[in-house]
Amino acid sequence: MPGAARSARIESGRVNGTMKTPQLLLLVLTLTLSMSLADSSAGESVDMEDLKKRAAEGEVTAQLDLAHRFRDGKGMEANASEAMIWAHRAADAGHAEAMDFVGFAYLRGAMVKRNTRLAFGYFQAAAEASAQAAFNLGQCYFGAQGTAQDCAKGLDWWEKAAAKGHGRAAVAAAMA
């Protein structure tokens, strides 16, 4: 009868007792639109020498940008080691999105040996400041990745990420 209970919650206009379904849909649509607008500026030209100089001088946003470019091979040859070096520098400086970048690499075993406990720690450190890290922390709790499974905590972190504007987190919370 779990399906009937879920249907009753949805028909009453509430999902998990926290957010009305129309509000959730509006949130997801708004986030989708804002992400598509952000992607339209992603093709801007970047002075790679200036970016490297700013990163070397300790500018954390430049360090993370360089990490993404090394990972993806944008404007330079892909180099996983360099990507992780620059991401770690920004993460060590407390940059939440960089902590999420490093955590995700460890979670997936991309560019580094897979270590879910280490990934979980990075997500925990960044979750209050990063919607993506909050979503990933929820994923860890829900899927027992680097921690004991705790679906309630996973849902709580997805809801926090959704409140910060994370669309996939809103969907995950609505479907949990």
Protein backbone atom coordinates (compact mmCIF):
# COMPACT_ATOMS: atom_id res chain seq x y z
CA MET A 1 0.00 0.00 0.00
CA PRO A 2 3.01 2.40 -0.15
CA GLY A 3 1.86 3.61 -3.59
CA ALA A 4 -1.58 4.52 -2.21
CA ALA A 5 -0.04 6.51 0.64
CA ARG A 6 2.20 8.39 -1.79
CA SER A 7 -0.75 9.10 -4.07
CA ALA A 8 -2.72 10.48 -1.13
CA ARG A 9 0.16 12.84 -0.25
CA ILE A 10 0.42 14.08 -3.83
CA GLU A 11 -3.33 14.49 -4.26
CA SER A 12 -3.46 16.56 -1.11
CA GLY A 13 -1.00 18.96 -2.74
CA ARG A 14 1.87 18.12 -0.39
CA VAL A 15 5.04 16.23 -1.11
CA ASN A 16 6.68 14.73 1.98
CA GLY A 17 4.68 17.23 4.03
CA THR A 18 7.03 20.12 3.16
CA MET A 19 6.34 21.65 -0.24
CA LYS A 20 3.23 21.97 -2.35
CA THR A 21 3.47 20.30 -5.76
CA PRO A 22 2.77 23.51 -7.79
CA GLN A 23 5.51 25.33 -5.85
CA LEU A 24 7.93 22.52 -6.58
CA LEU A 25 7.11 22.56 -10.28
CA LEU A 26 7.54 26.34 -10.42
CA LEU A 27 10.91 26.00 -8.69
CA VAL A 28 12.09 23.34 -11.15
CA LEU A 29 10.96 25.41 -14.17
CA THR A 30 12.65 28.56 -12.82
CA LEU A 31 15.89 26.69 -12.22
CA THR A 32 15.82 25.17 -15.69
CA LEU A 33 15.40 28.59 -17.27
CA SER A 34 18.17 30.15 -15.17
CA MET A 35 20.57 27.31 -16.02
CA SER A 36 19.90 27.67 -19.74
CA LEU A 37 20.59 31.42 -19.51
CA ALA A 38 23.84 30.74 -17.63
CA ASP A 39 24.91 28.23 -20.29
CA SER A 40 24.45 30.81 -23.04
CA SER A 41 27.42 32.82 -21.69
CA ALA A 42 29.66 29.76 -21.29
CA GLY A 43 31.23 30.15 -24.75
CA GLU A 44 33.11 33.34 -23.84
CA SER A 45 36.75 33.62 -24.86
CA VAL A 46 39.25 33.39 -21.99
CA ASP A 47 42.85 34.65 -21.91
CA MET A 48 44.52 31.45 -20.70
CA GLU A 49 47.76 33.17 -19.67
CA ASP A 50 45.82 35.66 -17.55
CA LEU A 51 43.78 32.82 -16.03
CA LYS A 52 46.92 30.87 -15.13
CA LYS A 53 48.51 34.00 -13.65
CA ARG A 54 45.47 34.75 -11.47
CA ALA A 55 45.29 31.11 -10.36
CA ALA A 56 48.99 31.09 -9.47
CA GLU A 57 48.46 34.28 -7.44
CA GLY A 58 45.85 32.47 -5.34
CA GLU A 59 42.54 33.62 -6.87
CA VAL A 60 40.30 30.68 -5.97
CA THR A 61 37.72 31.26 -8.72
CA ALA A 62 40.54 31.22 -11.29
CA GLN A 63 41.94 28.06 -9.70
CA LEU A 64 38.60 26.29 -9.99
CA ASP A 65 38.11 27.53 -13.56
CA LEU A 66 41.54 26.18 -14.43
CA ALA A 67 40.66 22.84 -12.78
CA HIS A 68 37.53 22.58 -14.94
CA ARG A 69 39.49 23.46 -18.08
CA PHE A 70 42.20 20.90 -17.36
CA ARG A 71 39.57 18.25 -16.60
CA ASP A 72 37.57 18.99 -19.77
CA GLY A 73 40.43 19.91 -22.10
CA LYS A 74 38.99 23.37 -22.82
CA GLY A 75 41.64 25.76 -24.09
CA MET A 76 44.38 23.26 -23.24
CA GLU A 77 45.12 19.57 -23.33
CA ALA A 78 43.13 17.60 -20.77
CA ASN A 79 45.25 16.75 -17.72
CA ALA A 80 43.58 15.09 -14.74
CA SER A 81 46.56 15.60 -12.43
CA GLU A 82 46.67 19.34 -13.10
CA ALA A 83 42.89 19.53 -12.68
CA MET A 84 43.12 17.99 -9.23
CA ILE A 85 46.10 20.15 -8.20
CA TRP A 86 44.19 23.35 -9.00
CA ALA A 87 40.93 22.09 -7.50
CA HIS A 88 42.72 21.10 -4.28
CA ARG A 89 44.32 24.55 -4.03
CA ALA A 90 40.91 26.22 -4.22
CA ALA A 91 39.33 23.65 -1.89
CA ASP A 92 42.13 24.09 0.65
CA ALA A 93 41.36 27.83 0.59
CA GLY A 94 37.76 27.04 1.58
CA HIS A 95 36.05 27.42 -1.81
CA ALA A 96 32.85 25.35 -1.49
CA GLU A 97 32.41 24.62 -5.21
CA ALA A 98 36.04 23.44 -5.36
CA MET A 99 35.40 21.15 -2.38
CA ASP A 100 32.45 19.73 -4.29
CA PHE A 101 34.63 19.28 -7.41
CA VAL A 102 37.23 17.33 -5.40
CA GLY A 103 34.58 15.36 -3.53
CA PHE A 104 32.84 14.38 -6.76
CA ALA A 105 36.14 13.20 -8.25
CA TYR A 106 36.64 10.92 -5.23
CA LEU A 107 33.01 9.77 -5.25
CA ARG A 108 33.13 8.69 -8.88
CA GLY A 109 36.77 7.62 -9.03
CA ALA A 110 37.33 10.13 -11.81
CA MET A 111 40.90 11.50 -11.99
CA VAL A 112 41.72 9.90 -8.61
CA LYS A 113 41.27 6.54 -6.91
CA ARG A 114 37.67 6.18 -5.67
CA ASN A 115 37.29 6.98 -1.99
CA THR A 116 33.68 7.50 -0.91
CA ARG A 117 34.56 8.36 2.71
CA LEU A 118 36.83 11.17 1.55
CA ALA A 119 34.17 12.36 -0.90
CA PHE A 120 31.59 12.40 1.89
CA GLY A 121 33.92 14.57 3.99
CA TYR A 122 34.36 17.10 1.19
CA PHE A 123 30.61 17.28 0.62
CA GLN A 124 29.99 17.75 4.36
CA ALA A 125 32.51 20.59 4.48
CA ALA A 126 30.91 22.39 1.52
CA ALA A 127 27.20 21.57 1.86
CA GLU A 128 26.13 24.67 3.79
CA ALA A 129 27.60 26.98 1.13
CA SER A 130 27.10 24.93 -2.07
CA ALA A 131 23.81 23.67 -3.48
CA GLN A 132 25.66 21.06 -5.54
CA ALA A 133 27.59 19.80 -2.50
CA ALA A 134 24.34 19.66 -0.49
CA PHE A 135 22.77 17.59 -3.29
CA ASN A 136 25.80 15.28 -3.40
CA LEU A 137 25.74 14.93 0.40
CA GLY A 138 22.10 13.88 0.12
CA GLN A 139 23.11 11.35 -2.53
CA CYS A 140 25.75 9.94 -0.18
CA TYR A 141 23.27 9.56 2.68
CA PHE A 142 20.58 8.08 0.45
CA GLY A 143 22.91 5.63 -1.30
CA ALA A 144 25.22 4.76 1.63
CA GLN A 145 28.28 6.22 -0.09
CA GLY A 146 31.00 6.95 2.45
CA THR A 147 28.54 6.85 5.34
CA ALA A 148 25.79 4.68 6.75
CA GLN A 149 22.54 4.91 4.83
CA ASP A 150 20.18 7.51 6.29
CA CYS A 151 17.34 8.31 3.91
CA ALA A 152 15.89 10.97 6.22
CA LYS A 153 19.20 12.89 6.22
CA GLY A 154 19.48 12.40 2.45
CA LEU A 155 16.03 13.92 1.96
CA ASP A 156 16.88 16.76 4.34
CA TRP A 157 20.01 17.66 2.33
CA TRP A 158 18.13 17.41 -0.99
CA GLU A 159 15.54 19.83 0.39
CA LYS A 160 18.30 22.21 1.53
CA ALA A 161 19.89 22.02 -1.92
CA ALA A 162 16.51 22.61 -3.58
CA ALA A 163 15.99 25.67 -1.36
CA LYS A 164 19.33 26.98 -2.71
CA GLY A 165 18.04 26.54 -6.27
CA HIS A 166 19.28 23.05 -7.20
CA GLY A 167 16.76 21.59 -9.66
CA ARG A 168 17.83 17.93 -9.52
CA ALA A 169 17.67 18.07 -5.73
CA ALA A 170 14.10 19.38 -5.92
CA VAL A 171 13.17 16.48 -8.20
CA ALA A 172 14.95 13.93 -6.00
CA ALA A 173 13.19 15.26 -2.90
CA ALA A 174 9.83 15.20 -4.61
CA MET A 175 10.32 11.61 -5.74
CA ALA A 176 11.70 10.27 -2.45
